[in-house]
């Protein structure tokens, strides 16, 4: 009899130990415990530390409250300006209401992933290619607002941040953008070169005006040029000839006589030929006929 009682006590003690062990729960600092009592959730959540629950009656589920980093798979889409792109992103979120995250959605990690993918495709279709490449901050804020709208209220999940990682473009579009960038750089280079030449011409004109006021300055500049040429260890010496010297010789050259004066002084060839012709008298048997002889031509007597 005593052995039976001893065995029963030992069994009861072992069962009590097992029950106490099953009723002890430890919640980590980054977790929150939710207790289900006979299938009904308790509104009081359990914070970090040691907690006792009723075995078999209560069931505790732990929810991670840390920020979760989730990569969104690359999504293909067509932008508003009809360019095919492939965009992937990263979503940072955390649970702010563990009861809603456990009760209202079956698997909140999978649900957030699907919402992020669909929202990313929607944002791609509403944006242009230039916005995807340059205006990342605005797109990140827009994508965060789109994903956070259906998750924070009903699911108790807050989207902390959304970042677009990479935008993959077709090879043809990459070549077109490369040619465009090259043409833009060439245009800027030509504008800068033209502006530099314009400023240099203004400076040279100002220097010319300054040198023209003092003739010695031009000579000093010529000597400086000779020194620069001779510094290259060159056997050829280049002596510049001032343009003013050529202008001086041009002014000192005698002027040629005008062509009109020379033409007026020359006698006309027709009048000279008429002066050399002999005078001819009219025959007697032709009355009423006369020849006009120039007044300056000499008269000759008719032959008998």
C-alpha atoms as a PDB file:
ATOM      1  CA  UNK A   1       0.000   0.000   0.000  1.00  0.00           C
ATOM      2  CA  UNK A   2       2.744   2.384   0.913  1.00  0.00           C
ATOM      3  CA  UNK A   3       4.580   1.639  -2.337  1.00  0.00           C
ATOM      4  CA  UNK A   4       1.458   2.445  -4.311  1.00  0.00           C
ATOM      5  CA  UNK A   5       1.041   5.738  -2.508  1.00  0.00           C
ATOM      6  CA  UNK A   6       4.689   6.549  -3.071  1.00  0.00           C
ATOM      7  CA  UNK A   7       4.392   5.805  -6.756  1.00  0.00           C
ATOM      8  CA  UNK A   8       1.273   7.948  -7.006  1.00  0.00           C
ATOM      9  CA  UNK A   9       3.019  10.856  -5.275  1.00  0.00           C
ATOM     10  CA  UNK A  10       5.961  10.557  -7.585  1.00  0.00           C
ATOM     11  CA  UNK A  11       3.696  10.525 -10.633  1.00  0.00           C
ATOM     12  CA  UNK A  12       1.721  13.516  -9.390  1.00  0.00           C
ATOM     13  CA  UNK A  13       4.914  15.388  -8.649  1.00  0.00           C
ATOM     14  CA  UNK A  14       6.306  14.660 -12.074  1.00  0.00           C
ATOM     15  CA  UNK A  15       3.039  15.770 -13.701  1.00  0.00           C
ATOM     16  CA  UNK A  16       3.090  18.965 -11.650  1.00  0.00           C
ATOM     17  CA  UNK A  17       6.636  19.679 -12.735  1.00  0.00           C
ATOM     18  CA  UNK A  18       5.751  19.092 -16.371  1.00  0.00           C
ATOM     19  CA  UNK A  19       2.673  21.320 -16.072  1.00  0.00           C
ATOM     20  CA  UNK A  20       4.660  24.125 -14.468  1.00  0.00           C
ATOM     21  CA  UNK A  21       7.305  23.762 -17.159  1.00  0.00           C
ATOM     22  CA  UNK A  22       4.680  23.978 -19.870  1.00  0.00           C
ATOM     23  CA  UNK A  23       3.140  27.023 -18.262  1.00  0.00           C
ATOM     24  CA  UNK A  24       6.394  29.025 -18.126  1.00  0.00           C
ATOM     25  CA  UNK A  25       7.069  31.270 -21.105  1.00  0.00           C
ATOM     26  CA  UNK A  26      10.003  33.596 -21.658  1.00  0.00           C
ATOM     27  CA  UNK A  27       9.503  36.603 -23.977  1.00  0.00           C
ATOM     28  CA  UNK A  28      12.587  38.249 -25.443  1.00  0.00           C
ATOM     29  CA  UNK A  29      13.181  41.988 -25.428  1.00  0.00           C
ATOM     30  CA  UNK A  30      12.399  42.351 -29.148  1.00  0.00           C
ATOM     31  CA  UNK A  31       9.218  40.240 -28.925  1.00  0.00           C
ATOM     32  CA  UNK A  32       5.645  40.596 -27.703  1.00  0.00           C
ATOM     33  CA  UNK A  33       3.524  37.715 -26.436  1.00  0.00           C
ATOM     34  CA  UNK A  34      -0.138  37.207 -27.319  1.00  0.00           C
ATOM     35  CA  UNK A  35      -2.171  34.757 -25.194  1.00  0.00           C
ATOM     36  CA  UNK A  36      -5.045  32.704 -26.610  1.00  0.00           C
ATOM     37  CA  UNK A  37      -7.282  31.302 -23.839  1.00  0.00           C
ATOM     38  CA  UNK A  38      -9.492  28.531 -25.133  1.00  0.00           C
ATOM     39  CA  UNK A  39      -9.164  30.023 -28.579  1.00  0.00           C
ATOM     40  CA  UNK A  40     -10.093  33.575 -27.552  1.00  0.00           C
ATOM     41  CA  UNK A  41      -7.366  36.178 -27.709  1.00  0.00           C
ATOM     42  CA  UNK A  42      -6.563  38.177 -24.594  1.00  0.00           C
ATOM     43  CA  UNK A  43      -6.367  41.922 -25.083  1.00  0.00           C
ATOM     44  CA  UNK A  44      -3.475  42.169 -22.653  1.00  0.00           C
ATOM     45  CA  UNK A  45      -0.211  41.515 -24.427  1.00  0.00           C
ATOM     46  CA  UNK A  46       2.800  40.153 -22.589  1.00  0.00           C
ATOM     47  CA  UNK A  47       5.977  42.158 -22.639  1.00  0.00           C
ATOM     48  CA  UNK A  48       9.570  40.941 -22.334  1.00  0.00           C
ATOM     49  CA  UNK A  49      10.356  38.705 -19.336  1.00  0.00           C
ATOM     50  CA  UNK A  50       9.097  35.534 -17.602  1.00  0.00           C
ATOM     51  CA  UNK A  51       5.371  34.757 -17.785  1.00  0.00           C
ATOM     52  CA  UNK A  52       3.178  31.942 -16.478  1.00  0.00           C
ATOM     53  CA  UNK A  53       0.199  30.676 -18.413  1.00  0.00           C
ATOM     54  CA  UNK A  54      -2.345  27.985 -17.689  1.00  0.00           C
ATOM     55  CA  UNK A  55      -1.254  24.777 -19.391  1.00  0.00           C
ATOM     56  CA  UNK A  56      -3.605  23.314 -21.972  1.00  0.00           C
ATOM     57  CA  UNK A  57      -5.975  26.253 -21.511  1.00  0.00           C
ATOM     58  CA  UNK A  58      -3.683  29.054 -22.652  1.00  0.00           C
ATOM     59  CA  UNK A  59      -1.499  29.235 -25.729  1.00  0.00           C
ATOM     60  CA  UNK A  60       1.053  32.013 -26.265  1.00  0.00           C
ATOM     61  CA  UNK A  61       2.215  33.228 -29.672  1.00  0.00           C
ATOM     62  CA  UNK A  62       5.246  35.482 -29.937  1.00  0.00           C
ATOM     63  CA  UNK A  63       5.433  38.304 -32.466  1.00  0.00           C
ATOM     64  CA  UNK A  64       8.738  39.853 -33.559  1.00  0.00           C
ATOM     65  CA  UNK A  65       8.680  43.651 -33.197  1.00  0.00           C
ATOM     66  CA  UNK A  66      11.955  44.308 -35.016  1.00  0.00           C
ATOM     67  CA  UNK A  67      12.207  46.119 -38.341  1.00  0.00           C
ATOM     68  CA  UNK A  68      12.046  43.571 -41.126  1.00  0.00           C
ATOM     69  CA  UNK A  69      14.059  44.072 -44.310  1.00  0.00           C
ATOM     70  CA  UNK A  70      12.339  42.526 -47.294  1.00  0.00           C
ATOM     71  CA  UNK A  71      13.605  42.554 -50.862  1.00  0.00           C
ATOM     72  CA  UNK A  72      10.994  43.072 -53.541  1.00  0.00           C
ATOM     73  CA  UNK A  73      11.667  40.924 -56.632  1.00  0.00           C
ATOM     74  CA  UNK A  74      12.386  42.781 -59.862  1.00  0.00           C
ATOM     75  CA  UNK A  75       9.189  43.842 -61.588  1.00  0.00           C
ATOM     76  CA  UNK A  76       8.890  44.477 -65.311  1.00  0.00           C
ATOM     77  CA  UNK A  77       6.735  47.335 -66.472  1.00  0.00           C
ATOM     78  CA  UNK A  78       6.232  50.023 -69.089  1.00  0.00           C
ATOM     79  CA  UNK A  79       6.671  53.623 -68.047  1.00  0.00           C
ATOM     80  CA  UNK A  80       4.340  56.429 -69.029  1.00  0.00           C
ATOM     81  CA  UNK A  81       6.628  57.353 -71.941  1.00  0.00           C
ATOM     82  CA  UNK A  82       6.506  53.756 -73.289  1.00  0.00           C
ATOM     83  CA  UNK A  83       9.886  52.433 -72.131  1.00  0.00           C
ATOM     84  CA  UNK A  84      10.218  48.864 -70.875  1.00  0.00           C
ATOM     85  CA  UNK A  85      12.109  48.741 -67.561  1.00  0.00           C
ATOM     86  CA  UNK A  86      12.855  46.242 -64.826  1.00  0.00           C
ATOM     87  CA  UNK A  87      12.856  47.662 -61.282  1.00  0.00           C
ATOM     88  CA  UNK A  88      13.539  46.062 -57.907  1.00  0.00           C
ATOM     89  CA  UNK A  89      13.231  47.592 -54.456  1.00  0.00           C
ATOM     90  CA  UNK A  90      13.691  47.055 -50.703  1.00  0.00           C
ATOM     91  CA  UNK A  91      10.945  47.492 -48.081  1.00  0.00           C
ATOM     92  CA  UNK A  92      11.596  48.191 -44.387  1.00  0.00           C
ATOM     93  CA  UNK A  93       8.604  47.589 -42.077  1.00  0.00           C
ATOM     94  CA  UNK A  94       7.755  46.567 -38.526  1.00  0.00           C
ATOM     95  CA  UNK A  95       4.745  45.418 -36.524  1.00  0.00           C
ATOM     96  CA  UNK A  96       3.114  48.114 -34.411  1.00  0.00           C
ATOM     97  CA  UNK A  97      -0.029  46.193 -33.384  1.00  0.00           C
ATOM     98  CA  UNK A  98       0.723  42.491 -32.788  1.00  0.00           C
ATOM     99  CA  UNK A  99      -2.940  41.541 -32.277  1.00  0.00           C
ATOM    100  CA  UNK A 100      -3.961  42.875 -35.714  1.00  0.00           C
ATOM    101  CA  UNK A 101      -0.884  41.357 -37.342  1.00  0.00           C
ATOM    102  CA  UNK A 102      -1.785  37.915 -36.000  1.00  0.00           C
ATOM    103  CA  UNK A 103      -5.587  37.996 -36.197  1.00  0.00           C
ATOM    104  CA  UNK A 104      -6.383  40.079 -39.295  1.00  0.00           C
ATOM    105  CA  UNK A 105      -3.871  38.548 -41.727  1.00  0.00           C
ATOM    106  CA  UNK A 106      -2.736  34.949 -42.029  1.00  0.00           C
ATOM    107  CA  UNK A 107       0.896  35.610 -42.991  1.00  0.00           C
ATOM    108  CA  UNK A 108       1.773  39.260 -42.826  1.00  0.00           C
ATOM    109  CA  UNK A 109       5.250  38.752 -44.313  1.00  0.00           C
ATOM    110  CA  UNK A 110       3.838  37.238 -47.498  1.00  0.00           C
ATOM    111  CA  UNK A 111       1.040  39.805 -47.582  1.00  0.00           C
ATOM    112  CA  UNK A 112       3.457  42.742 -47.381  1.00  0.00           C
ATOM    113  CA  UNK A 113       5.598  41.201 -50.118  1.00  0.00           C
ATOM    114  CA  UNK A 114       2.651  40.901 -52.503  1.00  0.00           C
ATOM    115  CA  UNK A 115       1.431  44.426 -51.794  1.00  0.00           C
ATOM    116  CA  UNK A 116       4.936  45.792 -52.413  1.00  0.00           C
ATOM    117  CA  UNK A 117       5.203  44.035 -55.785  1.00  0.00           C
ATOM    118  CA  UNK A 118       1.843  45.248 -57.060  1.00  0.00           C
ATOM    119  CA  UNK A 119       2.469  48.783 -55.795  1.00  0.00           C
ATOM    120  CA  UNK A 120       5.867  48.845 -57.485  1.00  0.00           C
ATOM    121  CA  UNK A 121       4.340  47.911 -60.834  1.00  0.00           C
ATOM    122  CA  UNK A 122       1.694  50.598 -60.377  1.00  0.00           C
ATOM    123  CA  UNK A 123       4.272  53.283 -59.640  1.00  0.00           C
ATOM    124  CA  UNK A 124       6.329  52.242 -62.681  1.00  0.00           C
ATOM    125  CA  UNK A 125       3.311  52.687 -64.956  1.00  0.00           C
ATOM    126  CA  UNK A 126       2.585  56.163 -63.568  1.00  0.00           C
ATOM    127  CA  UNK A 127       6.157  57.465 -63.826  1.00  0.00           C
ATOM    128  CA  UNK A 128       8.416  58.484 -66.685  1.00  0.00           C
ATOM    129  CA  UNK A 129      11.892  57.170 -67.350  1.00  0.00           C
ATOM    130  CA  UNK A 130      13.604  60.393 -66.261  1.00  0.00           C
ATOM    131  CA  UNK A 131      11.810  60.225 -62.909  1.00  0.00           C
ATOM    132  CA  UNK A 132      12.917  56.646 -62.340  1.00  0.00           C
ATOM    133  CA  UNK A 133      16.529  57.574 -63.017  1.00  0.00           C
ATOM    134  CA  UNK A 134      16.831  60.980 -61.333  1.00  0.00           C
ATOM    135  CA  UNK A 135      13.904  61.647 -58.981  1.00  0.00           C
ATOM    136  CA  UNK A 136      14.289  58.621 -56.704  1.00  0.00           C
ATOM    137  CA  UNK A 137      13.289  60.408 -53.488  1.00  0.00           C
ATOM    138  CA  UNK A 138       9.848  61.364 -54.776  1.00  0.00           C
ATOM    139  CA  UNK A 139       9.240  57.856 -56.106  1.00  0.00           C
ATOM    140  CA  UNK A 140      10.333  56.298 -52.800  1.00  0.00           C
ATOM    141  CA  UNK A 141       7.931  58.520 -50.878  1.00  0.00           C
ATOM    142  CA  UNK A 142       5.112  57.730 -53.302  1.00  0.00           C
ATOM    143  CA  UNK A 143       5.791  54.009 -53.112  1.00  0.00           C
ATOM    144  CA  UNK A 144       5.902  54.127 -49.301  1.00  0.00           C
ATOM    145  CA  UNK A 145       2.520  55.869 -49.168  1.00  0.00           C
ATOM    146  CA  UNK A 146       0.955  53.355 -51.564  1.00  0.00           C
ATOM    147  CA  UNK A 147       2.195  50.320 -49.597  1.00  0.00           C
ATOM    148  CA  UNK A 148       1.491  51.787 -46.164  1.00  0.00           C
ATOM    149  CA  UNK A 149      -2.150  52.613 -46.892  1.00  0.00           C
ATOM    150  CA  UNK A 150      -3.551  49.033 -46.795  1.00  0.00           C
ATOM    151  CA  UNK A 151      -1.119  47.673 -44.197  1.00  0.00           C
ATOM    152  CA  UNK A 152      -0.938  50.046 -41.244  1.00  0.00           C
ATOM    153  CA  UNK A 153      -4.620  50.328 -40.367  1.00  0.00           C
ATOM    154  CA  UNK A 154      -6.036  46.849 -40.998  1.00  0.00           C
ATOM    155  CA  UNK A 155      -2.871  44.791 -40.459  1.00  0.00           C
ATOM    156  CA  UNK A 156      -1.037  46.762 -37.781  1.00  0.00           C
ATOM    157  CA  UNK A 157       2.148  46.983 -39.877  1.00  0.00           C
ATOM    158  CA  UNK A 158       3.950  50.250 -40.519  1.00  0.00           C
ATOM    159  CA  UNK A 159       6.137  50.775 -43.582  1.00  0.00           C
ATOM    160  CA  UNK A 160       9.221  52.602 -42.383  1.00  0.00           C
ATOM    161  CA  UNK A 161      11.046  53.079 -45.659  1.00  0.00           C
ATOM    162  CA  UNK A 162      11.034  51.980 -49.313  1.00  0.00           C
ATOM    163  CA  UNK A 163      14.084  52.218 -51.560  1.00  0.00           C
ATOM    164  CA  UNK A 164      14.324  51.538 -55.297  1.00  0.00           C
ATOM    165  CA  UNK A 165      17.507  49.531 -55.792  1.00  0.00           C
ATOM    166  CA  UNK A 166      18.110  49.247 -59.520  1.00  0.00           C
ATOM    167  CA  UNK A 167      16.479  50.228 -62.797  1.00  0.00           C
ATOM    168  CA  UNK A 168      17.424  47.904 -65.666  1.00  0.00           C
ATOM    169  CA  UNK A 169      17.039  49.391 -69.154  1.00  0.00           C
ATOM    170  CA  UNK A 170      17.090  47.710 -72.574  1.00  0.00           C
ATOM    171  CA  UNK A 171      20.384  47.767 -74.449  1.00  0.00           C
ATOM    172  CA  UNK A 172      18.983  49.947 -77.225  1.00  0.00           C
ATOM    173  CA  UNK A 173      17.834  52.546 -74.710  1.00  0.00           C
ATOM    174  CA  UNK A 174      21.250  52.508 -73.040  1.00  0.00           C
ATOM    175  CA  UNK A 175      22.960  53.229 -76.367  1.00  0.00           C
ATOM    176  CA  UNK A 176      20.499  56.030 -77.145  1.00  0.00           C
ATOM    177  CA  UNK A 177      21.066  57.620 -73.749  1.00  0.00           C
ATOM    178  CA  UNK A 178      24.818  57.303 -74.218  1.00  0.00           C
ATOM    179  CA  UNK A 179      24.647  59.116 -77.563  1.00  0.00           C
ATOM    180  CA  UNK A 180      22.434  61.783 -76.045  1.00  0.00           C
ATOM    181  CA  UNK A 181      24.833  62.356 -73.170  1.00  0.00           C
ATOM    182  CA  UNK A 182      27.773  62.495 -75.581  1.00  0.00           C
ATOM    183  CA  UNK A 183      26.001  65.059 -77.772  1.00  0.00           C
ATOM    184  CA  UNK A 184      25.135  67.152 -74.723  1.00  0.00           C
ATOM    185  CA  UNK A 185      28.758  67.106 -73.544  1.00  0.00           C
ATOM    186  CA  UNK A 186      29.935  68.081 -77.025  1.00  0.00           C
ATOM    187  CA  UNK A 187      27.475  70.978 -77.107  1.00  0.00           C
ATOM    188  CA  UNK A 188      28.678  72.248 -73.734  1.00  0.00           C
ATOM    189  CA  UNK A 189      32.312  71.926 -74.826  1.00  0.00           C
ATOM    190  CA  UNK A 190      31.683  73.982 -77.957  1.00  0.00           C
ATOM    191  CA  UNK A 191      29.814  76.654 -76.023  1.00  0.00           C
ATOM    192  CA  UNK A 192      32.616  76.894 -73.462  1.00  0.00           C
ATOM    193  CA  UNK A 193      35.254  77.071 -76.224  1.00  0.00           C
ATOM    194  CA  UNK A 194      33.340  79.809 -78.060  1.00  0.00           C
ATOM    195  CA  UNK A 195      32.871  81.760 -74.847  1.00  0.00           C
ATOM    196  CA  UNK A 196      36.574  81.463 -74.085  1.00  0.00           C
ATOM    197  CA  UNK A 197      37.510  82.733 -77.552  1.00  0.00           C
ATOM    198  CA  UNK A 198      35.080  85.631 -77.162  1.00  0.00           C
ATOM    199  CA  UNK A 199      36.574  86.644 -73.827  1.00  0.00           C
ATOM    200  CA  UNK A 200      40.101  86.232 -75.197  1.00  0.00           C
ATOM    201  CA  UNK A 201      39.283  88.467 -78.175  1.00  0.00           C
ATOM    202  CA  UNK A 202      37.981  91.151 -75.823  1.00  0.00           C
ATOM    203  CA  UNK A 203      41.155  90.956 -73.773  1.00  0.00           C
ATOM    204  CA  UNK A 204      43.326  91.109 -76.893  1.00  0.00           C
ATOM    205  CA  UNK A 205      41.417  94.135 -78.149  1.00  0.00           C
ATOM    206  CA  UNK A 206      41.923  95.853 -74.795  1.00  0.00           C
ATOM    207  CA  UNK A 207      45.634  94.994 -74.898  1.00  0.00           C
ATOM    208  CA  UNK A 208      45.912  96.375 -78.435  1.00  0.00           C
ATOM    209  CA  UNK A 209      44.324  99.651 -77.364  1.00  0.00           C
ATOM    210  CA  UNK A 210      46.697  99.858 -74.423  1.00  0.00           C
ATOM    211  CA  UNK A 211      49.747  99.209 -76.619  1.00  0.00           C
ATOM    212  CA  UNK A 212      48.647 101.700 -79.246  1.00  0.00           C
ATOM    213  CA  UNK A 213      48.781 104.468 -76.678  1.00  0.00           C
ATOM    214  CA  UNK A 214      52.512 103.823 -76.105  1.00  0.00           C
ATOM    215  CA  UNK A 215      54.687 102.709 -79.084  1.00  0.00           C
ATOM    216  CA  UNK A 216      57.381 101.372 -76.770  1.00  0.00           C
ATOM    217  CA  UNK A 217      54.973  98.755 -75.452  1.00  0.00           C
ATOM    218  CA  UNK A 218      54.703  97.171 -78.893  1.00  0.00           C
ATOM    219  CA  UNK A 219      58.481  97.000 -79.187  1.00  0.00           C
ATOM    220  CA  UNK A 220      58.779  95.407 -75.748  1.00  0.00           C
ATOM    221  CA  UNK A 221      56.181  92.844 -76.710  1.00  0.00           C
ATOM    222  CA  UNK A 222      58.094  92.050 -79.896  1.00  0.00           C
ATOM    223  CA  UNK A 223      61.296  91.558 -77.932  1.00  0.00           C
ATOM    224  CA  UNK A 224      59.505  89.325 -75.464  1.00  0.00           C
ATOM    225  CA  UNK A 225      58.241  87.168 -78.337  1.00  0.00           C
ATOM    226  CA  UNK A 226      61.800  86.877 -79.684  1.00  0.00           C
ATOM    227  CA  UNK A 227      63.031  85.779 -76.250  1.00  0.00           C
ATOM    228  CA  UNK A 228      60.288  83.130 -76.024  1.00  0.00           C
ATOM    229  CA  UNK A 229      61.215  81.747 -79.446  1.00  0.00           C
ATOM    230  CA  UNK A 230      64.930  81.703 -78.625  1.00  0.00           C
ATOM    231  CA  UNK A 231      64.293  79.857 -75.333  1.00  0.00           C
ATOM    232  CA  UNK A 232      63.336  76.683 -77.228  1.00  0.00           C
ATOM    233  CA  UNK A 233      66.987  76.129 -78.342  1.00  0.00           C
ATOM    234  CA  UNK A 234      65.997  76.757 -81.917  1.00  0.00           C
ATOM    235  CA  UNK A 235      68.522  77.943 -84.508  1.00  0.00           C
ATOM    236  CA  UNK A 236      65.875  79.810 -86.501  1.00  0.00           C
ATOM    237  CA  UNK A 237      65.097  83.319 -85.343  1.00  0.00           C
ATOM    238  CA  UNK A 238      61.734  84.768 -86.313  1.00  0.00           C
ATOM    239  CA  UNK A 239      61.552  88.556 -86.481  1.00  0.00           C
ATOM    240  CA  UNK A 240      57.983  89.866 -86.569  1.00  0.00           C
ATOM    241  CA  UNK A 241      57.313  92.779 -88.937  1.00  0.00           C
ATOM    242  CA  UNK A 242      54.880  95.339 -87.553  1.00  0.00           C
ATOM    243  CA  UNK A 243      51.838  96.079 -89.675  1.00  0.00           C
ATOM    244  CA  UNK A 244      52.319  99.816 -89.070  1.00  0.00           C
ATOM    245  CA  UNK A 245      55.572  99.683 -91.042  1.00  0.00           C
ATOM    246  CA  UNK A 246      53.756  98.300 -94.087  1.00  0.00           C
ATOM    247  CA  UNK A 247      51.144 100.997 -93.769  1.00  0.00           C
ATOM    248  CA  UNK A 248      53.904 103.627 -93.645  1.00  0.00           C
ATOM    249  CA  UNK A 249      55.438 102.379 -96.900  1.00  0.00           C
ATOM    250  CA  UNK A 250      52.009 102.342 -98.512  1.00  0.00           C
ATOM    251  CA  UNK A 251      51.471 105.993 -97.643  1.00  0.00           C
ATOM    252  CA  UNK A 252      54.894 107.078 -98.899  1.00  0.00           C
ATOM    253  CA  UNK A 253      54.469 105.433-102.363  1.00  0.00           C
ATOM    254  CA  UNK A 254      53.794 108.043-105.227  1.00  0.00           C
ATOM    255  CA  UNK A 255      50.284 108.098-106.503  1.00  0.00           C
ATOM    256  CA  UNK A 256      49.732 107.106-110.167  1.00  0.00           C
ATOM    257  CA  UNK A 257      48.197 109.595-112.631  1.00  0.00           C
ATOM    258  CA  UNK A 258      44.504 109.144-113.220  1.00  0.00           C
ATOM    259  CA  UNK A 259      43.568 107.266-116.339  1.00  0.00           C
ATOM    260  CA  UNK A 260      41.069 109.933-117.419  1.00  0.00           C
ATOM    261  CA  UNK A 261      43.800 112.628-117.585  1.00  0.00           C
ATOM    262  CA  UNK A 262      46.049 110.452-119.723  1.00  0.00           C
ATOM    263  CA  UNK A 263      43.192 109.745-122.101  1.00  0.00           C
ATOM    264  CA  UNK A 264      42.363 113.451-122.479  1.00  0.00           C
ATOM    265  CA  UNK A 265      45.959 114.394-123.381  1.00  0.00           C
ATOM    266  CA  UNK A 266      46.249 111.864-126.223  1.00  0.00           C
ATOM    267  CA  UNK A 267      45.058 113.145-129.673  1.00  0.00           C
ATOM    268  CA  UNK A 268      42.195 111.398-131.301  1.00  0.00           C
ATOM    269  CA  UNK A 269      43.346 109.099-134.117  1.00  0.00           C
ATOM    270  CA  UNK A 270      40.513 110.165-136.539  1.00  0.00           C
ATOM    271  CA  UNK A 271      41.324 113.883-136.484  1.00  0.00           C
ATOM    272  CA  UNK A 272      45.024 113.173-136.947  1.00  0.00           C
ATOM    273  CA  UNK A 273      44.341 111.034-140.026  1.00  0.00           C
ATOM    274  CA  UNK A 274      42.147 113.690-141.625  1.00  0.00           C
ATOM    275  CA  UNK A 275      44.831 116.292-141.144  1.00  0.00           C
ATOM    276  CA  UNK A 276      47.314 114.286-143.151  1.00  0.00           C
ATOM    277  CA  UNK A 277      44.984 113.770-146.205  1.00  0.00           C
ATOM    278  CA  UNK A 278      45.533 116.154-149.326  1.00  0.00           C
ATOM    279  CA  UNK A 279      42.746 118.410-150.513  1.00  0.00           C
ATOM    280  CA  UNK A 280      40.841 117.369-153.661  1.00  0.00           C
ATOM    281  CA  UNK A 281      39.024 119.877-155.943  1.00  0.00           C
ATOM    282  CA  UNK A 282      35.795 118.947-157.645  1.00  0.00           C
ATOM    283  CA  UNK A 283      35.859 118.362-161.468  1.00  0.00           C
ATOM    284  CA  UNK A 284      34.477 121.047-163.716  1.00  0.00           C
ATOM    285  CA  UNK A 285      32.026 118.817-165.536  1.00  0.00           C
ATOM    286  CA  UNK A 286      30.156 118.078-162.326  1.00  0.00           C
ATOM    287  CA  UNK A 287      28.373 121.271-161.431  1.00  0.00           C
ATOM    288  CA  UNK A 288      26.787 121.621-158.126  1.00  0.00           C
ATOM    289  CA  UNK A 289      29.072 119.089-156.543  1.00  0.00           C
ATOM    290  CA  UNK A 290      31.462 120.006-153.787  1.00  0.00           C
ATOM    291  CA  UNK A 291      33.623 118.195-151.312  1.00  0.00           C
ATOM    292  CA  UNK A 292      33.978 119.294-147.794  1.00  0.00           C
ATOM    293  CA  UNK A 293      37.585 119.710-146.910  1.00  0.00           C
ATOM    294  CA  UNK A 294      38.653 120.469-143.418  1.00  0.00           C
ATOM    295  CA  UNK A 295      39.653 124.048-142.850  1.00  0.00           C
ATOM    296  CA  UNK A 296      43.019 123.188-141.519  1.00  0.00           C
ATOM    297  CA  UNK A 297      43.957 121.014-144.522  1.00  0.00           C
ATOM    298  CA  UNK A 298      46.338 122.658-147.082  1.00  0.00           C
ATOM    299  CA  UNK A 299      44.981 123.680-150.492  1.00  0.00           C
ATOM    300  CA  UNK A 300      46.659 122.375-153.679  1.00  0.00           C
ATOM    301  CA  UNK A 301      46.439 123.876-157.188  1.00  0.00           C
ATOM    302  CA  UNK A 302      44.907 121.682-159.891  1.00  0.00           C
ATOM    303  CA  UNK A 303      47.162 120.265-162.481  1.00  0.00           C
ATOM    304  CA  UNK A 304      46.931 121.838-166.089  1.00  0.00           C
END
